[in-house]
Amino acid sequence: MSFAVVNGLTFGVHLLLVCSAPDFMASRIWGKTSVGVLALLFQGSLLLWSAARYDRRAGGHSAEQEQEQEYR
């Protein structure tokens, strides 16, 4: 549940910023790197981090727990 909430909220904030403040998102930080590119990199790294945490938590089930879930 938290995986979807965190990544959904991050995507929503990113989308809101792109739609409502395109000039801000196009602001150059250095070279050709803009605020939008940095925000997208942050969003991608958050997605990978939360997916790794979710996978680590989901992988902790024992064989007995998996069998119980199959019979439900």
PDB file of N, CA and C in Angstrom:
ATOM      1  N   MET A   1       0.826  -1.194   0.000  1.00  0.00           N
ATOM      2  CA  MET A   1       0.000   0.000   0.000  1.00  0.00           C
ATOM      3  C   MET A   1       0.870   1.257   0.000  1.00  0.00           C
ATOM      4  N   SER A   2       1.880   1.298   0.863  1.00  0.00           N
ATOM      5  CA  SER A   2       2.707   2.496   0.940  1.00  0.00           C
ATOM      6  C   SER A   2       3.502   2.710  -0.345  1.00  0.00           C
ATOM      7  N   PHE A   3       3.847   1.623  -1.039  1.00  0.00           N
ATOM      8  CA  PHE A   3       4.560   1.732  -2.311  1.00  0.00           C
ATOM      9  C   PHE A   3       3.746   2.556  -3.298  1.00  0.00           C
ATOM     10  N   ALA A   4       2.467   2.232  -3.431  1.00  0.00           N
ATOM     11  CA  ALA A   4       1.601   2.937  -4.376  1.00  0.00           C
ATOM     12  C   ALA A   4       1.340   4.368  -3.930  1.00  0.00           C
ATOM     13  N   VAL A   5       1.184   4.580  -2.635  1.00  0.00           N
ATOM     14  CA  VAL A   5       0.901   5.924  -2.127  1.00  0.00           C
ATOM     15  C   VAL A   5       2.088   6.849  -2.341  1.00  0.00           C
ATOM     16  N   VAL A   6       3.273   6.400  -1.970  1.00  0.00           N
ATOM     17  CA  VAL A   6       4.471   7.239  -2.108  1.00  0.00           C
ATOM     18  C   VAL A   6       4.730   7.581  -3.561  1.00  0.00           C
ATOM     19  N   ASN A   7       4.702   6.581  -4.426  1.00  0.00           N
ATOM     20  CA  ASN A   7       5.008   6.828  -5.832  1.00  0.00           C
ATOM     21  C   ASN A   7       3.877   7.561  -6.540  1.00  0.00           C
ATOM     22  N   GLY A   8       2.640   7.312  -6.147  1.00  0.00           N
ATOM     23  CA  GLY A   8       1.518   8.042  -6.726  1.00  0.00           C
ATOM     24  C   GLY A   8       1.543   9.512  -6.353  1.00  0.00           C
ATOM     25  N   LEU A   9       1.834   9.798  -5.090  1.00  0.00           N
ATOM     26  CA  LEU A   9       1.925  11.200  -4.662  1.00  0.00           C
ATOM     27  C   LEU A   9       3.088  11.917  -5.341  1.00  0.00           C
ATOM     28  N   THR A  10       4.211  11.249  -5.459  1.00  0.00           N
ATOM     29  CA  THR A  10       5.358  11.854  -6.129  1.00  0.00           C
ATOM     30  C   THR A  10       5.038  12.149  -7.589  1.00  0.00           C
ATOM     31  N   PHE A  11       4.403  11.210  -8.254  1.00  0.00           N
ATOM     32  CA  PHE A  11       4.018  11.427  -9.649  1.00  0.00           C
ATOM     33  C   PHE A  11       3.011  12.566  -9.756  1.00  0.00           C
ATOM     34  N   GLY A  12       2.043  12.627  -8.824  1.00  0.00           N
ATOM     35  CA  GLY A  12       1.053  13.694  -8.839  1.00  0.00           C
ATOM     36  C   GLY A  12       1.674  15.062  -8.643  1.00  0.00           C
ATOM     37  N   VAL A  13       2.612  15.173  -7.717  1.00  0.00           N
ATOM     38  CA  VAL A  13       3.295  16.455  -7.487  1.00  0.00           C
ATOM     39  C   VAL A  13       4.099  16.844  -8.715  1.00  0.00           C
ATOM     40  N   HIS A  14       4.793  15.878  -9.295  1.00  0.00           N
ATOM     41  CA  HIS A  14       5.581  16.157 -10.507  1.00  0.00           C
ATOM     42  C   HIS A  14       4.668  16.636 -11.645  1.00  0.00           C
ATOM     43  N   LEU A  15       3.559  15.956 -11.827  1.00  0.00           N
ATOM     44  CA  LEU A  15       2.619  16.329 -12.878  1.00  0.00           C
ATOM     45  C   LEU A  15       2.022  17.710 -12.634  1.00  0.00           C
ATOM     46  N   LEU A  16       1.681  17.990 -11.382  1.00  0.00           N
ATOM     47  CA  LEU A  16       1.146  19.307 -11.031  1.00  0.00           C
ATOM     48  C   LEU A  16       2.155  20.406 -11.321  1.00  0.00           C
ATOM     49  N   LEU A  17       3.407  20.189 -10.972  1.00  0.00           N
ATOM     50  CA  LEU A  17       4.437  21.190 -11.237  1.00  0.00           C
ATOM     51  C   LEU A  17       4.649  21.403 -12.726  1.00  0.00           C
ATOM     52  N   VAL A  18       4.647  20.323 -13.480  1.00  0.00           N
ATOM     53  CA  VAL A  18       4.847  20.451 -14.930  1.00  0.00           C
ATOM     54  C   VAL A  18       3.709  21.229 -15.571  1.00  0.00           C
ATOM     55  N   CYS A  19       2.485  20.968 -15.122  1.00  0.00           N
ATOM     56  CA  CYS A  19       1.323  21.637 -15.721  1.00  0.00           C
ATOM     57  C   CYS A  19       1.157  23.076 -15.253  1.00  0.00           C
ATOM     58  N   SER A  20       1.456  23.353 -14.001  1.00  0.00           N
ATOM     59  CA  SER A  20       1.180  24.684 -13.472  1.00  0.00           C
ATOM     60  C   SER A  20       2.382  25.620 -13.488  1.00  0.00           C
ATOM     61  N   ALA A  21       3.588  25.086 -13.524  1.00  0.00           N
ATOM     62  CA  ALA A  21       4.774  25.944 -13.492  1.00  0.00           C
ATOM     63  C   ALA A  21       5.817  25.488 -14.510  1.00  0.00           C
ATOM     64  N   PRO A  22       5.481  25.549 -15.798  1.00  0.00           N
ATOM     65  CA  PRO A  22       6.443  25.070 -16.802  1.00  0.00           C
ATOM     66  C   PRO A  22       7.716  25.912 -16.850  1.00  0.00           C
ATOM     67  N   ASP A  23       7.599  27.211 -16.569  1.00  0.00           N
ATOM     68  CA  ASP A  23       8.796  28.055 -16.585  1.00  0.00           C
ATOM     69  C   ASP A  23       9.758  27.667 -15.457  1.00  0.00           C
ATOM     70  N   PHE A  24       9.193  27.343 -14.293  1.00  0.00           N
ATOM     71  CA  PHE A  24      10.032  26.907 -13.166  1.00  0.00           C
ATOM     72  C   PHE A  24      10.714  25.589 -13.484  1.00  0.00           C
ATOM     73  N   MET A  25       9.974  24.644 -14.040  1.00  0.00           N
ATOM     74  CA  MET A  25      10.546  23.338 -14.345  1.00  0.00           C
ATOM     75  C   MET A  25      11.596  23.421 -15.454  1.00  0.00           C
ATOM     76  N   ALA A  26      11.502  24.451 -16.311  1.00  0.00           N
ATOM     77  CA  ALA A  26      12.467  24.619 -17.398  1.00  0.00           C
ATOM     78  C   ALA A  26      13.677  25.450 -16.979  1.00  0.00           C
ATOM     79  N   SER A  27      13.692  25.929 -15.738  1.00  0.00           N
ATOM     80  CA  SER A  27      14.821  26.733 -15.255  1.00  0.00           C
ATOM     81  C   SER A  27      16.094  25.893 -15.263  1.00  0.00           C
ATOM     82  N   ARG A  28      17.135  26.463 -15.829  1.00  0.00           N
ATOM     83  CA  ARG A  28      18.406  25.742 -15.923  1.00  0.00           C
ATOM     84  C   ARG A  28      19.172  25.850 -14.604  1.00  0.00           C
ATOM     85  N   ILE A  29      19.709  24.734 -14.155  1.00  0.00           N
ATOM     86  CA  ILE A  29      20.527  24.705 -12.950  1.00  0.00           C
ATOM     87  C   ILE A  29      21.991  24.903 -13.344  1.00  0.00           C
ATOM     88  N   TRP A  30      22.500  24.007 -14.173  1.00  0.00           N
ATOM     89  CA  TRP A  30      23.817  24.154 -14.762  1.00  0.00           C
ATOM     90  C   TRP A  30      23.824  23.417 -16.085  1.00  0.00           C
ATOM     91  N   GLY A  31      24.490  23.994 -17.059  1.00  0.00           N
ATOM     92  CA  GLY A  31      24.530  23.396 -18.395  1.00  0.00           C
ATOM     93  C   GLY A  31      23.128  23.228 -18.968  1.00  0.00           C
ATOM     94  N   LYS A  32      22.821  22.027 -19.416  1.00  0.00           N
ATOM     95  CA  LYS A  32      21.495  21.744 -19.950  1.00  0.00           C
ATOM     96  C   LYS A  32      20.596  21.048 -18.938  1.00  0.00           C
ATOM     97  N   THR A  33      21.033  20.992 -17.682  1.00  0.00           N
ATOM     98  CA  THR A  33      20.259  20.346 -16.630  1.00  0.00           C
ATOM     99  C   THR A  33      19.260  21.336 -16.050  1.00  0.00           C
ATOM    100  N   SER A  34      17.990  20.958 -16.063  1.00  0.00           N
ATOM    101  CA  SER A  34      16.941  21.838 -15.558  1.00  0.00           C
ATOM    102  C   SER A  34      16.333  21.261 -14.283  1.00  0.00           C
ATOM    103  N   VAL A  35      15.475  22.044 -13.655  1.00  0.00           N
ATOM    104  CA  VAL A  35      14.781  21.607 -12.453  1.00  0.00           C
ATOM    105  C   VAL A  35      13.922  20.380 -12.772  1.00  0.00           C
ATOM    106  N   GLY A  36      13.299  20.352 -13.935  1.00  0.00           N
ATOM    107  CA  GLY A  36      12.465  19.222 -14.336  1.00  0.00           C
ATOM    108  C   GLY A  36      13.250  17.932 -14.447  1.00  0.00           C
ATOM    109  N   VAL A  37      14.455  18.010 -14.981  1.00  0.00           N
ATOM    110  CA  VAL A  37      15.296  16.818 -15.104  1.00  0.00           C
ATOM    111  C   VAL A  37      15.683  16.311 -13.719  1.00  0.00           C
ATOM    112  N   LEU A  38      16.051  17.241 -12.826  1.00  0.00           N
ATOM    113  CA  LEU A  38      16.404  16.825 -11.464  1.00  0.00           C
ATOM    114  C   LEU A  38      15.207  16.234 -10.742  1.00  0.00           C
ATOM    115  N   ALA A  39      14.022  16.805 -10.936  1.00  0.00           N
ATOM    116  CA  ALA A  39      12.816  16.272 -10.309  1.00  0.00           C
ATOM    117  C   ALA A  39      12.508  14.877 -10.842  1.00  0.00           C
ATOM    118  N   LEU A  40      12.703  14.676 -12.126  1.00  0.00           N
ATOM    119  CA  LEU A  40      12.469  13.359 -12.716  1.00  0.00           C
ATOM    120  C   LEU A  40      13.480  12.331 -12.204  1.00  0.00           C
ATOM    121  N   LEU A  41      14.722  12.718 -12.052  1.00  0.00           N
ATOM    122  CA  LEU A  41      15.732  11.815 -11.486  1.00  0.00           C
ATOM    123  C   LEU A  41      15.407  11.471 -10.036  1.00  0.00           C
ATOM    124  N   PHE A  42      14.941  12.448  -9.271  1.00  0.00           N
ATOM    125  CA  PHE A  42      14.537  12.197  -7.894  1.00  0.00           C
ATOM    126  C   PHE A  42      13.357  11.224  -7.850  1.00  0.00           C
ATOM    127  N   GLN A  43      12.384  11.436  -8.722  1.00  0.00           N
ATOM    128  CA  GLN A  43      11.209  10.567  -8.761  1.00  0.00           C
ATOM    129  C   GLN A  43      11.616   9.131  -9.130  1.00  0.00           C
ATOM    130  N   GLY A  44      12.503   8.975 -10.084  1.00  0.00           N
ATOM    131  CA  GLY A  44      12.959   7.650 -10.484  1.00  0.00           C
ATOM    132  C   GLY A  44      13.727   6.949  -9.382  1.00  0.00           C
ATOM    133  N   SER A  45      14.586   7.699  -8.680  1.00  0.00           N
ATOM    134  CA  SER A  45      15.343   7.081  -7.593  1.00  0.00           C
ATOM    135  C   SER A  45      14.426   6.708  -6.434  1.00  0.00           C
ATOM    136  N   LEU A  46      13.406   7.521  -6.168  1.00  0.00           N
ATOM    137  CA  LEU A  46      12.433   7.183  -5.129  1.00  0.00           C
ATOM    138  C   LEU A  46      11.649   5.929  -5.508  1.00  0.00           C
ATOM    139  N   LEU A  47      11.314   5.804  -6.776  1.00  0.00           N
ATOM    140  CA  LEU A  47      10.602   4.617  -7.248  1.00  0.00           C
ATOM    141  C   LEU A  47      11.456   3.364  -7.062  1.00  0.00           C
ATOM    142  N   LEU A  48      12.727   3.434  -7.447  1.00  0.00           N
ATOM    143  CA  LEU A  48      13.605   2.274  -7.289  1.00  0.00           C
ATOM    144  C   LEU A  48      13.828   1.932  -5.824  1.00  0.00           C
ATOM    145  N   TRP A  49      14.016   2.939  -4.978  1.00  0.00           N
ATOM    146  CA  TRP A  49      14.242   2.705  -3.559  1.00  0.00           C
ATOM    147  C   TRP A  49      13.023   2.057  -2.904  1.00  0.00           C
ATOM    148  N   SER A  50      11.834   2.596  -3.197  1.00  0.00           N
ATOM    149  CA  SER A  50      10.634   2.040  -2.577  1.00  0.00           C
ATOM    150  C   SER A  50      10.317   0.651  -3.133  1.00  0.00           C
ATOM    151  N   ALA A  51      10.623   0.398  -4.398  1.00  0.00           N
ATOM    152  CA  ALA A  51      10.414  -0.942  -4.959  1.00  0.00           C
ATOM    153  C   ALA A  51      11.353  -1.955  -4.301  1.00  0.00           C
ATOM    154  N   ALA A  52      12.590  -1.550  -4.046  1.00  0.00           N
ATOM    155  CA  ALA A  52      13.536  -2.449  -3.381  1.00  0.00           C
ATOM    156  C   ALA A  52      13.086  -2.738  -1.952  1.00  0.00           C
ATOM    157  N   ARG A  53      12.591  -1.732  -1.249  1.00  0.00           N
ATOM    158  CA  ARG A  53      12.087  -1.950   0.115  1.00  0.00           C
ATOM    159  C   ARG A  53      10.871  -2.859   0.109  1.00  0.00           C
ATOM    160  N   TYR A  54       9.964  -2.641  -0.836  1.00  0.00           N
ATOM    161  CA  TYR A  54       8.761  -3.468  -0.930  1.00  0.00           C
ATOM    162  C   TYR A  54       9.139  -4.912  -1.239  1.00  0.00           C
ATOM    163  N   ASP A  55      10.079  -5.095  -2.151  1.00  0.00           N
ATOM    164  CA  ASP A  55      10.506  -6.436  -2.530  1.00  0.00           C
ATOM    165  C   ASP A  55      11.179  -7.142  -1.362  1.00  0.00           C
ATOM    166  N   ARG A  56      11.970  -6.415  -0.589  1.00  0.00           N
ATOM    167  CA  ARG A  56      12.651  -6.996   0.564  1.00  0.00           C
ATOM    168  C   ARG A  56      11.643  -7.436   1.615  1.00  0.00           C
ATOM    169  N   ARG A  57      10.616  -6.625   1.840  1.00  0.00           N
ATOM    170  CA  ARG A  57       9.594  -6.991   2.821  1.00  0.00           C
ATOM    171  C   ARG A  57       8.749  -8.158   2.333  1.00  0.00           C
ATOM    172  N   ALA A  58       8.405  -8.163   1.057  1.00  0.00           N
ATOM    173  CA  ALA A  58       7.559  -9.221   0.509  1.00  0.00           C
ATOM    174  C   ALA A  58       8.324 -10.536   0.412  1.00  0.00           C
ATOM    175  N   GLY A  59       9.630 -10.487   0.271  1.00  0.00           N
ATOM    176  CA  GLY A  59      10.435 -11.695   0.136  1.00  0.00           C
ATOM    177  C   GLY A  59      10.660 -12.420   1.446  1.00  0.00           C
ATOM    178  N   GLY A  60      10.231 -11.876   2.574  1.00  0.00           N
ATOM    179  CA  GLY A  60      10.462 -12.486   3.867  1.00  0.00           C
ATOM    180  C   GLY A  60       9.462 -13.554   4.244  1.00  0.00           C
ATOM    181  N   HIS A  61       8.530 -13.890   3.383  1.00  0.00           N
ATOM    182  CA  HIS A  61       7.529 -14.915   3.694  1.00  0.00           C
ATOM    183  C   HIS A  61       8.160 -16.298   3.659  1.00  0.00           C
ATOM    184  N   SER A  62       7.749 -17.136   4.583  1.00  0.00           N
ATOM    185  CA  SER A  62       8.233 -18.513   4.592  1.00  0.00           C
ATOM    186  C   SER A  62       7.335 -19.366   3.692  1.00  0.00           C
ATOM    187  N   ALA A  63       7.736 -20.580   3.455  1.00  0.00           N
ATOM    188  CA  ALA A  63       6.966 -21.495   2.603  1.00  0.00           C
ATOM    189  C   ALA A  63       5.607 -21.796   3.224  1.00  0.00           C
ATOM    190  N   GLU A  64       5.550 -21.875   4.550  1.00  0.00           N
ATOM    191  CA  GLU A  64       4.272 -22.146   5.221  1.00  0.00           C
ATOM    192  C   GLU A  64       3.288 -21.003   5.017  1.00  0.00           C
ATOM    193  N   GLN A  65       3.773 -19.784   5.096  1.00  0.00           N
ATOM    194  CA  GLN A  65       2.895 -18.634   4.887  1.00  0.00           C
ATOM    195  C   GLN A  65       2.379 -18.597   3.455  1.00  0.00           C
ATOM    196  N   GLU A  66       3.219 -18.956   2.506  1.00  0.00           N
ATOM    197  CA  GLU A  66       2.794 -18.974   1.103  1.00  0.00           C
ATOM    198  C   GLU A  66       1.706 -20.034   0.891  1.00  0.00           C
ATOM    199  N   GLN A  67       1.847 -21.199   1.522  1.00  0.00           N
ATOM    200  CA  GLN A  67       0.842 -22.233   1.375  1.00  0.00           C
ATOM    201  C   GLN A  67      -0.478 -21.809   1.996  1.00  0.00           C
ATOM    202  N   GLU A  68      -0.424 -21.109   3.126  1.00  0.00           N
ATOM    203  CA  GLU A  68      -1.643 -20.611   3.763  1.00  0.00           C
ATOM    204  C   GLU A  68      -2.369 -19.628   2.855  1.00  0.00           C
ATOM    205  N   GLN A  69      -1.608 -18.781   2.191  1.00  0.00           N
ATOM    206  CA  GLN A  69      -2.212 -17.783   1.307  1.00  0.00           C
ATOM    207  C   GLN A  69      -2.826 -18.434   0.077  1.00  0.00           C
ATOM    208  N   GLU A  70      -2.252 -19.551  -0.377  1.00  0.00           N
ATOM    209  CA  GLU A  70      -2.808 -20.242  -1.545  1.00  0.00           C
ATOM    210  C   GLU A  70      -4.169 -20.847  -1.234  1.00  0.00           C
ATOM    211  N   TYR A  71      -4.397 -21.313  -0.016  1.00  0.00           N
ATOM    212  CA  TYR A  71      -5.640 -21.967   0.340  1.00  0.00           C
ATOM    213  C   TYR A  71      -6.741 -20.989   0.720  1.00  0.00           C
ATOM    214  N   ARG A  72      -6.432 -19.735   0.868  1.00  0.00           N
ATOM    215  CA  ARG A  72      -7.460 -18.740   1.241  1.00  0.00           C
ATOM    216  C   ARG A  72      -8.334 -18.390   0.097  1.00  0.00           C
TER     217      ARG A  72
END
